[in-house]
Amino acid sequence: MITFDQVTVQYEDAAEPVLRDVDLTVEEGELCLVVGHTGVGKSTLLGAVNGLVPHFTGGTLYGRVLVGGRDTAGHPPRELADVVGVVGQDPLDGFVTDTVEEELAYTMEQLAVPPATMRKRVEETLDLLGLADLRHRALHELSGGQQQRVAIGSVLTAHPRILVLDEPTSALDPTAAEEVLAAVTRLVHDLGVTVLLAEHRLERVVQYADRVIHLPGDGRAVSGPPAEVLRTTSIAPPIVELGRAAGWNPLPLSIRDARRAAAPVRTRLGAAVPGPARPPLAADRPALLTARGVTVTHHGVPAVRAVDLTLRGGEVTALMGRNGSGKSSLLWALQGSGPRQAGSVTVATADGSKPRDPGKLSAAEARRLVGLVPQTPTDLLYLESVKQELDQADAESHIAAGGTRARTVLDRLAPGIPDTTHPRDLSEGQKLALVLAIQLTAAPRVLLLDEPTRGLDYRAKSELIRVVDDLAAEGRAVVISTHDVEFVARAADRVVVMAEGDVVADGPTTEVIVASPVFAPQTAKILAPLPYLTVDQVSAALPSDGTDPQS
């Protein structure tokens, strides 16, 4: 169905080809997972399937890409729309209408699908992706996760033979992600649709894959069965890393198979007490931000309902909850830029003077107290090059001329981004890393991150954890709104869970996420009832000589 024949892609300003001599075939009805670190060419590989590369992106394509028998070099994207459906990393980039129902119908209108068939497919897709209650909603009013589902639905209504998905679950809560992946899997198994899917959260998707294509970063593409390819890759989900640490062969890819293989490991671990997933917190942490009775409504609909929250210095808090539960609305209200119909927010000042309300300060003053990285990082990018953005961040943070604090942070998160690159030409993960570097340069006392791991690979997430830990060690309070349970297990001291605008759980990470079948990380599910959250905890507890850890 998809054939790459000696494909090389070279961009004009790049020293080396993004893809080099790639030979691979994806058969009809396969679900193929594309993995690799941020910036190695996953989006380029996907874009070559529907002709976006090179017809839209530029650059030079050598070799041939055949899709359903058509050579993409001679067929621009519009001539492949009946065969290939594409959902990009940012759903807003692909929307062309105003409401959910209109967006689902738009592609079919362009393909001249009969009206009766259009209506039937719209209804089926609304049910398939849980969008029926949103059918008349304006697209700009939806949460990021809801927008992602609409973007996927708008492609599914055309019934393409090939579906290309670039991080389809990146903005979804665990339950919504499972629903989307279940729908995609049904398309593969029931209709024989070929799916090419790139995703950084491999723990969500690897069990569904028939094939894995790994891009190691040197232009090559390594293709094969998931367990075989992932055994030696530098990027792998926790379930695979646990299998490597325990010496399992073959590597399990599902929780069910891993639990079966883990019985001897649970016996070896016995009653040993795992080391802490996070360093213990100091007892005298000062309150940096105090919110009381914060209420936010949008067009008369409550988004945040009288929330009380205290953020303390040195503490990393994860804000979790399903899409639309009010997380982003709460963060914007705490930062001061968003609406707040009732309640109070005060932030302690560095000089010990009276706490101040960021909502009553200028943007520059509020940013020095509370920094916020939004869900869509490009909202904060407006200059012509990466260097200009970094220099501006240093200047606004009063870094001495020639200082490179912003560049240093960026290189830790996403190394190797050239100064001359236009910010809009970066991958989603690289854009996020750039905005994180800009905001972290100001070093506010309270930092709010809205879905910061979206588009980041495991290596970049580890670097983000180090950066966040450094900020916490300096006495700052950090809040991370995220659906990434594996990241939370490693990064957060405390978890706050929201539902319909209310805080329904607030406590230490281990107590909150292990008690939830939705938010529990893979290691906790595999080794339950043992109290392990991360692979590092297990590796530290497992003796290298195979003896019982208690002996």
Protein backbone atom coordinates (compact mmCIF):
# COMPACT_ATOMS: atom_id res chain seq x y z
CA MET A 1 0.00 0.00 0.00
CA ILE A 2 2.92 2.36 0.83
CA THR A 3 6.36 1.88 -0.70
CA PHE A 4 9.52 3.94 -0.15
CA ASP A 5 12.10 3.12 -2.84
CA GLN A 6 15.57 4.56 -2.09
CA VAL A 7 14.01 7.76 -0.73
CA THR A 8 16.24 10.65 0.30
CA VAL A 9 14.90 14.04 1.41
CA GLN A 10 17.27 17.00 1.50
CA TYR A 11 16.21 20.47 2.67
CA GLU A 12 18.02 23.47 1.27
CA ASP A 13 19.44 24.82 4.54
CA ALA A 14 20.26 21.41 6.09
CA ALA A 15 23.80 20.04 6.03
CA GLU A 16 22.59 16.43 5.91
CA PRO A 17 19.51 14.74 4.44
CA VAL A 18 16.61 14.24 6.86
CA LEU A 19 15.93 10.87 5.25
CA ARG A 20 18.66 8.88 3.49
CA ASP A 21 18.15 5.87 1.15
CA VAL A 22 14.98 4.75 2.91
CA ASP A 23 13.56 1.44 1.66
CA LEU A 24 10.40 0.15 3.29
CA THR A 25 6.95 -1.24 2.54
CA VAL A 26 3.78 -0.90 4.61
CA GLU A 27 1.20 -3.50 3.69
CA GLU A 28 -2.55 -2.97 3.42
CA GLY A 29 -4.30 -3.17 6.78
CA GLU A 30 -1.14 -2.63 8.83
CA LEU A 31 -0.89 -0.29 11.79
CA CYS A 32 2.66 1.02 11.52
CA LEU A 33 4.18 3.02 14.38
CA VAL A 34 6.91 5.56 13.58
CA VAL A 35 9.25 6.26 16.51
CA GLY A 36 12.29 8.45 17.06
CA HIS A 37 13.57 11.42 19.01
CA THR A 38 12.26 14.93 18.39
CA GLY A 39 13.49 16.40 15.11
CA VAL A 40 14.80 13.18 13.48
CA GLY A 41 12.39 13.33 10.51
CA LYS A 42 9.19 11.59 11.59
CA SER A 43 7.00 14.40 10.24
CA THR A 44 9.00 14.39 7.00
CA LEU A 45 8.43 10.65 6.59
CA LEU A 46 4.70 11.06 7.17
CA GLY A 47 4.51 14.11 4.89
CA ALA A 48 6.10 12.17 2.03
CA VAL A 49 3.16 9.75 2.07
CA ASN A 50 0.58 12.29 0.93
CA GLY A 51 2.86 14.53 -1.10
CA LEU A 52 3.24 17.37 1.39
CA VAL A 53 6.94 16.57 1.09
CA PRO A 54 8.22 18.09 -1.15
CA HIS A 55 5.23 19.79 -2.87
CA PHE A 56 4.38 21.94 0.16
CA THR A 57 7.43 21.85 2.44
CA GLY A 58 10.05 22.37 -0.25
CA GLY A 59 13.33 20.53 -0.36
CA THR A 60 14.30 17.81 -2.81
CA LEU A 61 12.98 14.26 -2.82
CA TYR A 62 15.11 11.57 -4.45
CA GLY A 63 13.77 8.10 -5.14
CA ARG A 64 10.09 7.17 -5.27
CA VAL A 65 7.18 7.10 -2.84
CA LEU A 66 4.27 4.99 -4.10
CA VAL A 67 0.90 5.28 -2.36
CA GLY A 68 -1.86 3.02 -3.62
CA GLY A 69 0.14 2.70 -6.82
CA ARG A 70 0.48 6.47 -7.30
CA ASP A 71 3.85 8.18 -7.38
CA THR A 72 3.64 11.17 -5.03
CA ALA A 73 6.21 13.05 -7.12
CA GLY A 74 3.61 13.36 -9.87
CA HIS A 75 0.56 13.73 -7.64
CA PRO A 76 0.24 16.75 -5.32
CA PRO A 77 -1.69 16.34 -2.04
CA ARG A 78 -5.05 17.32 -3.57
CA GLU A 79 -4.80 14.38 -5.99
CA LEU A 80 -4.17 11.95 -3.13
CA ALA A 81 -6.96 13.18 -0.82
CA ASP A 82 -9.27 10.29 -1.75
CA VAL A 83 -6.58 7.77 -0.75
CA VAL A 84 -4.69 9.39 2.15
CA GLY A 85 -6.18 11.16 5.16
CA VAL A 86 -3.76 13.21 7.28
CA VAL A 87 -4.07 14.61 10.79
CA GLY A 88 -1.19 16.90 11.77
CA GLN A 89 0.30 17.67 15.16
CA ASP A 90 -1.75 20.85 15.66
CA PRO A 91 -5.46 20.34 14.87
CA LEU A 92 -6.11 24.09 14.63
CA ASP A 93 -3.87 24.25 11.56
CA GLY A 94 -6.25 21.98 9.65
CA PHE A 95 -9.64 23.48 10.57
CA VAL A 96 -11.45 25.37 7.81
CA THR A 97 -15.01 25.73 9.18
CA ASP A 98 -16.63 27.06 12.36
CA THR A 99 -18.43 24.17 14.08
CA VAL A 100 -17.80 20.50 14.79
CA GLU A 101 -20.51 19.20 12.47
CA GLU A 102 -19.41 21.44 9.59
CA GLU A 103 -15.80 20.36 9.99
CA LEU A 104 -16.73 16.67 9.85
CA ALA A 105 -18.63 17.26 6.61
CA TYR A 106 -16.12 19.53 4.88
CA THR A 107 -13.78 16.88 3.43
CA MET A 108 -16.72 14.91 2.05
CA GLU A 109 -18.05 18.05 0.38
CA GLN A 110 -14.73 18.49 -1.42
CA LEU A 111 -14.89 14.87 -2.57
CA ALA A 112 -18.50 15.25 -3.80
CA VAL A 113 -19.90 12.57 -1.48
CA PRO A 114 -23.72 12.37 -1.82
CA PRO A 115 -25.60 14.31 0.92
CA ALA A 116 -27.38 11.22 2.31
CA THR A 117 -24.06 9.43 2.70
CA MET A 118 -22.49 12.51 4.27
CA ARG A 119 -25.16 12.70 6.94
CA LYS A 120 -24.78 9.02 7.80
CA ARG A 121 -20.99 9.24 8.07
CA VAL A 122 -21.15 12.36 10.22
CA GLU A 123 -23.45 10.60 12.70
CA GLU A 124 -21.23 7.51 12.75
CA THR A 125 -18.12 9.59 13.41
CA LEU A 126 -19.79 11.64 16.15
CA ASP A 127 -20.60 8.40 17.97
CA LEU A 128 -17.25 6.77 17.20
CA LEU A 129 -15.23 9.56 18.80
CA GLY A 130 -17.68 10.67 21.51
CA LEU A 131 -18.40 14.04 19.89
CA ALA A 132 -22.21 13.91 19.71
CA ASP A 133 -22.69 16.42 22.53
CA LEU A 134 -20.32 18.86 20.80
CA ARG A 135 -21.80 18.76 17.29
CA HIS A 136 -22.98 22.40 17.29
CA ARG A 137 -20.07 23.82 19.30
CA ALA A 138 -17.68 26.34 17.78
CA LEU A 139 -14.25 24.81 17.17
CA HIS A 140 -12.43 27.63 18.97
CA GLU A 141 -14.43 26.93 22.14
CA LEU A 142 -13.23 23.35 22.43
CA SER A 143 -10.42 22.14 24.66
CA GLY A 144 -7.22 20.96 22.99
CA GLY A 145 -8.19 17.32 23.35
CA GLN A 146 -11.65 17.89 21.92
CA GLN A 147 -10.12 19.69 18.94
CA GLN A 148 -7.82 16.71 18.38
CA ARG A 149 -10.76 14.33 18.21
CA VAL A 150 -12.59 16.58 15.76
CA ALA A 151 -9.47 16.71 13.54
CA ILE A 152 -9.30 12.92 13.47
CA GLY A 153 -13.03 12.67 12.81
CA SER A 154 -12.86 15.11 9.89
CA VAL A 155 -10.44 12.72 8.18
CA LEU A 156 -12.31 9.53 9.05
CA THR A 157 -15.56 10.69 7.39
CA ALA A 158 -13.88 10.47 3.98
CA HIS A 159 -13.15 6.74 4.55
CA PRO A 160 -9.53 6.94 3.28
CA ARG A 161 -7.62 3.75 2.49
CA ILE A 162 -4.55 5.16 4.25
CA LEU A 163 -4.61 7.18 7.47
CA VAL A 164 -1.56 9.22 8.51
CA LEU A 165 -1.63 10.41 12.12
CA ASP A 166 1.04 12.68 13.61
CA GLU A 167 0.80 12.35 17.41
CA PRO A 168 -2.98 11.78 17.47
CA THR A 169 -3.23 11.33 21.25
CA SER A 170 -0.82 14.07 22.35
CA ALA A 171 -3.58 16.34 23.72
CA LEU A 172 -5.92 13.63 24.99
CA ASP A 173 -6.53 12.35 28.50
CA PRO A 174 -5.89 8.60 28.98
CA THR A 175 -9.54 7.61 28.54
CA ALA A 176 -10.05 9.71 25.41
CA ALA A 177 -6.77 8.42 23.98
CA GLU A 178 -7.91 4.84 24.47
CA GLU A 179 -11.19 5.65 22.71
CA VAL A 180 -9.39 7.15 19.72
CA LEU A 181 -6.90 4.30 19.48
CA ALA A 182 -9.70 1.76 19.77
CA ALA A 183 -11.48 3.49 16.88
CA VAL A 184 -8.28 3.50 14.80
CA THR A 185 -7.71 -0.19 15.58
CA ARG A 186 -11.26 -1.03 14.45
CA LEU A 187 -10.58 0.74 11.16
CA VAL A 188 -7.46 -1.40 10.71
CA HIS A 189 -8.99 -4.75 11.62
CA ASP A 190 -12.56 -4.31 10.34
CA LEU A 191 -12.01 -2.21 7.21
CA GLY A 192 -8.38 -2.96 6.31
CA VAL A 193 -7.33 0.69 6.54
CA THR A 194 -3.57 1.19 6.52
CA VAL A 195 -2.43 3.45 9.37
CA LEU A 196 0.91 5.20 9.66
CA LEU A 197 1.16 6.73 13.12
CA ALA A 198 3.88 8.80 14.80
CA GLU A 199 3.65 9.16 18.57
CA HIS A 200 6.00 10.03 21.41
CA ARG A 201 3.83 8.43 24.11
CA LEU A 202 4.70 4.93 23.05
CA GLU A 203 3.18 3.41 26.17
CA ARG A 204 -0.24 4.25 24.71
CA VAL A 205 0.16 2.81 21.23
CA VAL A 206 2.91 0.19 21.02
CA GLN A 207 0.59 -2.70 21.90
CA TYR A 208 -1.55 -1.95 18.83
CA ALA A 209 1.29 -1.77 16.30
CA ASP A 210 1.92 -4.45 13.68
CA ARG A 211 5.22 -2.85 12.65
CA VAL A 212 7.60 -0.25 14.03
CA ILE A 213 9.69 2.11 11.91
CA HIS A 214 12.54 3.56 13.98
CA LEU A 215 14.36 6.69 12.82
CA PRO A 216 17.67 6.68 14.73
CA GLY A 217 18.54 10.21 13.60
CA ASP A 218 21.12 9.54 10.88
CA GLY A 219 18.62 9.50 8.01
CA ARG A 220 18.04 5.73 8.09
CA ALA A 221 14.75 3.98 8.80
CA VAL A 222 14.81 0.63 10.61
CA SER A 223 11.62 -1.39 10.14
CA GLY A 224 10.46 -4.61 11.77
CA PRO A 225 8.25 -6.29 14.40
CA PRO A 226 7.72 -4.05 17.46
CA ALA A 227 9.38 -6.28 20.06
CA GLU A 228 12.38 -6.86 17.82
CA VAL A 229 12.97 -3.21 16.90
CA LEU A 230 12.32 -1.81 20.39
CA ARG A 231 14.79 -4.17 22.05
CA THR A 232 17.72 -2.04 20.90
CA THR A 233 16.23 1.42 20.31
CA SER A 234 17.30 4.44 22.33
CA ILE A 235 13.63 5.34 22.73
CA ALA A 236 11.19 2.93 24.37
CA PRO A 237 8.10 2.95 26.61
CA PRO A 238 8.35 2.01 30.32
CA ILE A 239 6.96 -1.47 29.66
CA VAL A 240 9.88 -2.21 27.31
CA GLU A 241 12.45 -0.66 29.65
CA LEU A 242 11.09 -2.80 32.48
CA GLY A 243 11.37 -5.86 30.24
CA ARG A 244 14.96 -4.99 29.44
CA ALA A 245 15.81 -4.52 33.14
CA ALA A 246 14.17 -7.84 34.05
CA GLY A 247 15.66 -9.71 31.08
CA TRP A 248 12.34 -10.76 29.55
CA ASN A 249 12.44 -12.41 26.14
CA PRO A 250 10.37 -11.81 24.11
CA LEU A 251 9.61 -8.30 25.30
CA PRO A 252 5.96 -7.87 26.34
CA LEU A 253 4.11 -4.93 24.79
CA SER A 254 0.81 -5.06 26.71
CA ILE A 255 0.06 -4.83 30.42
CA ARG A 256 -1.55 -8.27 30.35
CA ASP A 257 1.52 -9.97 28.87
CA ALA A 258 3.85 -8.01 31.16
CA ARG A 259 1.94 -9.02 34.30
CA ARG A 260 2.24 -12.65 33.29
CA ALA A 261 5.98 -12.27 32.77
CA ALA A 262 6.40 -10.24 35.98
CA ALA A 263 5.38 -12.93 38.48
CA PRO A 264 9.02 -13.94 39.19
CA VAL A 265 10.02 -10.29 39.49
CA ARG A 266 7.29 -9.64 42.04
CA THR A 267 8.56 -12.65 43.98
CA ARG A 268 12.16 -11.42 43.82
CA LEU A 269 11.15 -7.98 45.00
CA GLY A 270 9.12 -9.52 47.81
CA ALA A 271 8.39 -7.11 50.64
CA ALA A 272 11.31 -4.81 49.83
CA VAL A 273 10.42 -1.15 50.24
CA PRO A 274 11.16 0.75 47.02
CA GLY A 275 13.25 3.87 47.11
CA PRO A 276 11.29 7.09 46.65
CA ALA A 277 10.41 8.05 43.08
CA ARG A 278 11.06 11.67 44.09
CA PRO A 279 13.37 13.21 46.70
CA PRO A 280 11.53 13.98 49.97
CA LEU A 281 10.19 17.51 50.36
CA ALA A 282 11.36 19.92 53.01
CA ALA A 283 8.87 20.46 55.82
CA ASP A 284 9.16 24.26 55.87
CA ARG A 285 8.09 25.02 52.29
CA PRO A 286 6.70 28.57 52.08
CA ALA A 287 3.38 29.28 50.38
CA LEU A 288 4.15 31.20 47.17
CA LEU A 289 0.67 31.32 45.61
CA THR A 290 -2.63 31.21 47.43
CA ALA A 291 -5.93 30.93 45.56
CA ARG A 292 -9.28 31.05 47.31
CA GLY A 293 -12.68 30.56 45.74
CA VAL A 294 -11.43 30.97 42.16
CA THR A 295 -14.37 30.82 39.77
CA VAL A 296 -14.22 31.04 35.98
CA THR A 297 -17.12 30.91 33.51
CA HIS A 298 -17.14 30.96 29.73
CA HIS A 299 -20.34 32.24 28.07
CA GLY A 300 -22.22 31.44 31.23
CA VAL A 301 -20.84 27.88 31.48
CA PRO A 302 -18.82 27.20 34.68
CA ALA A 303 -15.27 26.07 33.92
CA VAL A 304 -13.75 26.44 37.41
CA ARG A 305 -15.96 26.26 40.51
CA ALA A 306 -14.72 28.01 43.67
CA VAL A 307 -11.32 26.28 43.69
CA ASP A 308 -8.96 26.67 46.66
CA LEU A 309 -5.29 25.95 45.98
CA THR A 310 -1.99 26.65 47.71
CA LEU A 311 1.32 26.29 45.86
CA ARG A 312 4.47 25.98 47.94
CA GLY A 313 8.08 26.66 47.06
CA GLY A 314 10.14 23.62 46.15
CA GLU A 315 7.09 21.57 45.17
CA VAL A 316 6.16 20.24 41.71
CA THR A 317 2.40 19.81 41.32
CA ALA A 318 0.72 17.88 38.50
CA LEU A 319 -2.73 19.11 37.48
CA MET A 320 -4.70 16.25 35.92
CA GLY A 321 -8.22 15.50 34.74
CA ARG A 322 -10.13 14.67 31.59
CA ASN A 323 -10.29 17.08 28.66
CA GLY A 324 -12.59 20.00 29.44
CA SER A 325 -12.33 19.61 33.23
CA GLY A 326 -11.12 23.20 33.70
CA LYS A 327 -7.35 22.78 34.00
CA SER A 328 -6.37 25.42 31.44
CA SER A 329 -8.97 27.88 32.69
CA LEU A 330 -7.58 27.53 36.21
CA LEU A 331 -3.99 28.08 35.06
CA TRP A 332 -4.88 31.25 33.13
CA ALA A 333 -6.81 32.57 36.15
CA LEU A 334 -3.82 31.90 38.43
CA GLN A 335 -1.45 33.65 36.04
CA GLY A 336 -3.67 36.71 35.85
CA SER A 337 -4.15 36.87 32.08
CA GLY A 338 -7.35 34.86 32.05
CA PRO A 339 -10.83 35.78 33.30
CA ARG A 340 -11.74 35.32 36.94
CA GLN A 341 -15.35 35.98 37.90
CA ALA A 342 -14.81 35.44 41.63
CA GLY A 343 -12.16 34.55 44.18
CA SER A 344 -8.68 35.81 44.96
CA VAL A 345 -5.12 34.96 43.91
CA THR A 346 -2.07 36.30 45.74
CA VAL A 347 1.60 35.62 45.04
CA ALA A 348 4.41 36.17 47.52
CA THR A 349 7.05 38.63 46.34
CA ALA A 350 10.78 38.00 46.34
CA ASP A 351 11.52 41.04 48.53
CA GLY A 352 9.09 40.00 51.25
CA SER A 353 6.67 42.86 50.64
CA LYS A 354 2.89 42.43 50.59
CA PRO A 355 1.70 39.54 48.35
CA ARG A 356 0.32 40.76 45.04
CA ASP A 357 -2.50 39.71 42.71
CA PRO A 358 -1.01 39.01 39.23
CA GLY A 359 -4.38 39.84 37.68
CA LYS A 360 -3.96 43.45 38.79
CA LEU A 361 -0.42 43.91 37.47
CA SER A 362 1.02 44.76 34.08
CA ALA A 363 1.95 41.84 31.83
CA ALA A 364 5.68 42.33 32.49
CA GLU A 365 5.21 42.47 36.26
CA ALA A 366 2.88 39.47 36.32
CA ARG A 367 5.36 37.44 34.24
CA ARG A 368 8.07 37.94 36.83
CA LEU A 369 5.75 36.50 39.48
CA VAL A 370 3.92 33.80 37.52
CA GLY A 371 5.06 32.39 34.18
CA LEU A 372 2.71 30.43 31.93
CA VAL A 373 3.46 28.22 28.92
CA PRO A 374 0.16 27.74 27.04
CA GLN A 375 -1.12 24.62 25.26
CA THR A 376 -0.33 26.20 21.89
CA PRO A 377 3.28 27.39 22.26
CA THR A 378 3.29 29.26 18.95
CA ASP A 379 1.10 31.90 20.63
CA LEU A 380 4.30 33.20 22.24
CA LEU A 381 6.49 33.09 19.10
CA TYR A 382 6.49 36.20 16.91
CA LEU A 383 10.06 36.88 15.73
CA GLU A 384 11.85 35.73 12.58
CA SER A 385 14.47 33.34 13.94
CA VAL A 386 15.26 31.16 16.93
CA LYS A 387 18.17 33.43 17.84
CA GLN A 388 15.94 36.51 17.86
CA GLU A 389 13.48 34.78 20.19
CA LEU A 390 16.25 33.68 22.54
CA ASP A 391 17.95 37.09 22.54
CA GLN A 392 14.62 38.79 23.26
CA ALA A 393 13.99 36.42 26.18
CA ASP A 394 17.43 37.20 27.62
CA ALA A 395 16.85 40.94 27.19
CA GLU A 396 13.42 40.87 28.86
CA SER A 397 14.92 38.91 31.76
CA HIS A 398 17.72 41.48 32.08
CA ILE A 399 20.47 39.03 31.20
CA ALA A 400 23.71 40.91 30.48
CA ALA A 401 24.48 41.58 26.82
CA GLY A 402 26.00 38.48 25.28
CA GLY A 403 24.38 36.23 27.89
CA THR A 404 22.98 32.91 26.68
CA ARG A 405 20.70 31.67 29.45
CA ALA A 406 17.82 31.03 27.04
CA ARG A 407 20.05 29.15 24.57
CA THR A 408 21.46 27.02 27.41
CA VAL A 409 17.98 25.96 28.50
CA LEU A 410 16.93 25.25 24.90
CA ASP A 411 19.97 23.07 24.26
CA ARG A 412 19.09 20.98 27.29
CA LEU A 413 15.55 20.41 26.02
CA ALA A 414 16.13 20.10 22.28
CA PRO A 415 19.80 20.29 21.30
CA GLY A 416 20.97 21.20 17.83
CA ILE A 417 18.32 23.71 16.70
CA PRO A 418 20.11 26.24 14.42
CA ASP A 419 19.92 29.92 15.35
CA THR A 420 18.75 30.85 11.85
CA THR A 421 15.68 28.57 11.82
CA HIS A 422 12.31 30.31 11.69
CA PRO A 423 10.30 29.31 14.79
CA ARG A 424 7.29 28.34 12.64
CA ASP A 425 9.46 25.82 10.77
CA LEU A 426 10.25 23.83 13.93
CA SER A 427 8.50 20.61 14.84
CA GLU A 428 5.85 20.86 17.55
CA GLY A 429 8.26 19.44 20.10
CA GLN A 430 10.95 21.92 19.13
CA LYS A 431 8.47 24.83 19.29
CA LEU A 432 7.49 23.78 22.78
CA ALA A 433 11.12 23.49 23.84
CA LEU A 434 11.78 27.01 22.52
CA VAL A 435 8.84 28.51 24.42
CA LEU A 436 9.87 26.68 27.58
CA ALA A 437 13.32 28.17 27.24
CA ILE A 438 11.84 31.65 26.77
CA GLN A 439 9.61 31.40 29.84
CA LEU A 440 12.19 29.70 32.04
CA THR A 441 14.68 32.44 31.28
CA ALA A 442 12.53 34.88 33.29
CA ALA A 443 12.72 32.45 36.25
CA PRO A 444 9.38 33.44 37.83
CA ARG A 445 8.64 32.36 41.41
CA VAL A 446 5.65 30.33 40.17
CA LEU A 447 5.73 28.51 36.83
CA LEU A 448 2.59 27.08 35.19
CA LEU A 449 3.03 24.65 32.29
CA ASP A 450 -0.03 23.66 30.23
CA GLU A 451 0.64 20.30 28.52
CA PRO A 452 4.42 20.89 28.30
CA THR A 453 5.25 17.31 27.25
CA ARG A 454 3.16 17.42 24.10
CA GLY A 455 5.54 16.70 21.22
CA LEU A 456 8.49 15.82 23.49
CA ASP A 457 10.23 12.46 23.34
CA TYR A 458 11.37 10.55 26.44
CA ARG A 459 14.82 12.11 26.37
CA ALA A 460 13.42 15.63 26.19
CA LYS A 461 10.98 14.82 29.00
CA SER A 462 13.88 13.71 31.17
CA GLU A 463 15.63 17.00 30.46
CA LEU A 464 12.41 18.87 31.28
CA ILE A 465 12.24 17.03 34.61
CA ARG A 466 15.81 18.11 35.37
CA VAL A 467 14.97 21.71 34.54
CA VAL A 468 11.82 21.61 36.66
CA ASP A 469 13.72 19.98 39.53
CA ASP A 470 16.34 22.72 39.35
CA LEU A 471 13.60 25.35 39.57
CA ALA A 472 12.03 23.58 42.53
CA ALA A 473 15.42 23.30 44.21
CA GLU A 474 15.70 27.09 43.92
CA GLY A 475 12.50 27.35 45.96
CA ARG A 476 10.05 27.95 43.10
CA ALA A 477 6.60 26.39 42.77
CA VAL A 478 5.87 24.52 39.52
CA VAL A 479 2.47 23.36 38.25
CA ILE A 480 2.30 21.02 35.26
CA SER A 481 -1.07 20.40 33.63
CA THR A 482 -0.74 17.11 31.77
CA HIS A 483 -2.34 13.86 30.69
CA ASP A 484 1.05 12.12 30.65
CA VAL A 485 0.86 9.74 33.61
CA GLU A 486 4.38 8.37 33.05
CA PHE A 487 5.79 11.89 33.23
CA VAL A 488 3.78 12.62 36.39
CA ALA A 489 5.13 9.49 38.09
CA ARG A 490 8.68 10.77 37.60
CA ALA A 491 8.20 14.54 37.86
CA ALA A 492 5.50 15.40 40.40
CA ASP A 493 5.54 15.55 44.19
CA ARG A 494 1.82 16.21 44.36
CA VAL A 495 -1.18 15.55 42.11
CA VAL A 496 -4.35 17.64 41.90
CA VAL A 497 -7.20 16.08 39.91
CA MET A 498 -10.03 18.19 38.48
CA ALA A 499 -13.47 17.16 37.20
CA GLU A 500 -16.11 19.55 35.86
CA GLY A 501 -14.33 22.54 37.37
CA ASP A 502 -13.93 21.06 40.87
CA VAL A 503 -10.85 19.66 42.61
CA VAL A 504 -11.75 16.02 43.36
CA ALA A 505 -8.36 14.77 44.59
CA ASP A 506 -5.27 16.44 46.03
CA GLY A 507 -2.38 14.59 47.60
CA PRO A 508 1.05 12.97 47.20
CA THR A 509 1.68 11.49 43.75
CA THR A 510 1.91 7.88 44.89
CA GLU A 511 -1.36 8.00 46.79
CA VAL A 512 -3.37 9.71 44.04
CA ILE A 513 -2.24 7.99 40.83
CA VAL A 514 -1.77 4.44 42.10
CA ALA A 515 -5.32 4.49 43.44
CA SER A 516 -6.64 5.32 39.96
CA PRO A 517 -6.87 2.68 37.21
CA VAL A 518 -6.83 5.54 34.68
CA PHE A 519 -3.85 7.53 35.96
CA ALA A 520 -1.63 4.68 37.18
CA PRO A 521 1.68 4.38 35.23
CA GLN A 522 2.63 1.16 33.46
CA THR A 523 5.12 0.02 36.11
CA ALA A 524 2.49 0.33 38.85
CA LYS A 525 -0.02 -1.67 36.80
CA ILE A 526 2.49 -4.41 36.02
CA LEU A 527 3.85 -4.84 39.55
CA ALA A 528 0.67 -4.18 41.56
CA PRO A 529 0.15 -4.57 44.48
CA LEU A 530 3.82 -3.66 45.00
CA PRO A 531 4.22 0.14 45.40
CA TYR A 532 6.50 0.85 42.43
CA LEU A 533 5.93 3.81 40.08
CA THR A 534 8.98 3.93 37.82
CA VAL A 535 11.43 1.59 36.10
CA ASP A 536 14.31 3.29 37.94
CA GLN A 537 12.83 2.21 41.27
CA VAL A 538 12.62 -1.40 40.05
CA SER A 539 16.14 -1.38 38.59
CA ALA A 540 17.53 -0.10 41.88
CA ALA A 541 15.71 -2.81 43.84
CA LEU A 542 16.53 -5.73 41.54
CA PRO A 543 19.89 -7.28 42.46
CA SER A 544 22.21 -7.70 39.51
CA ASP A 545 23.20 -11.22 40.58
CA GLY A 546 19.62 -12.50 40.56
CA THR A 547 19.40 -13.05 44.32
CA ASP A 548 16.39 -12.04 46.34
CA PRO A 549 16.55 -8.29 47.09
CA GLN A 550 15.95 -8.92 50.79
CA SER A 551 18.83 -11.31 51.17
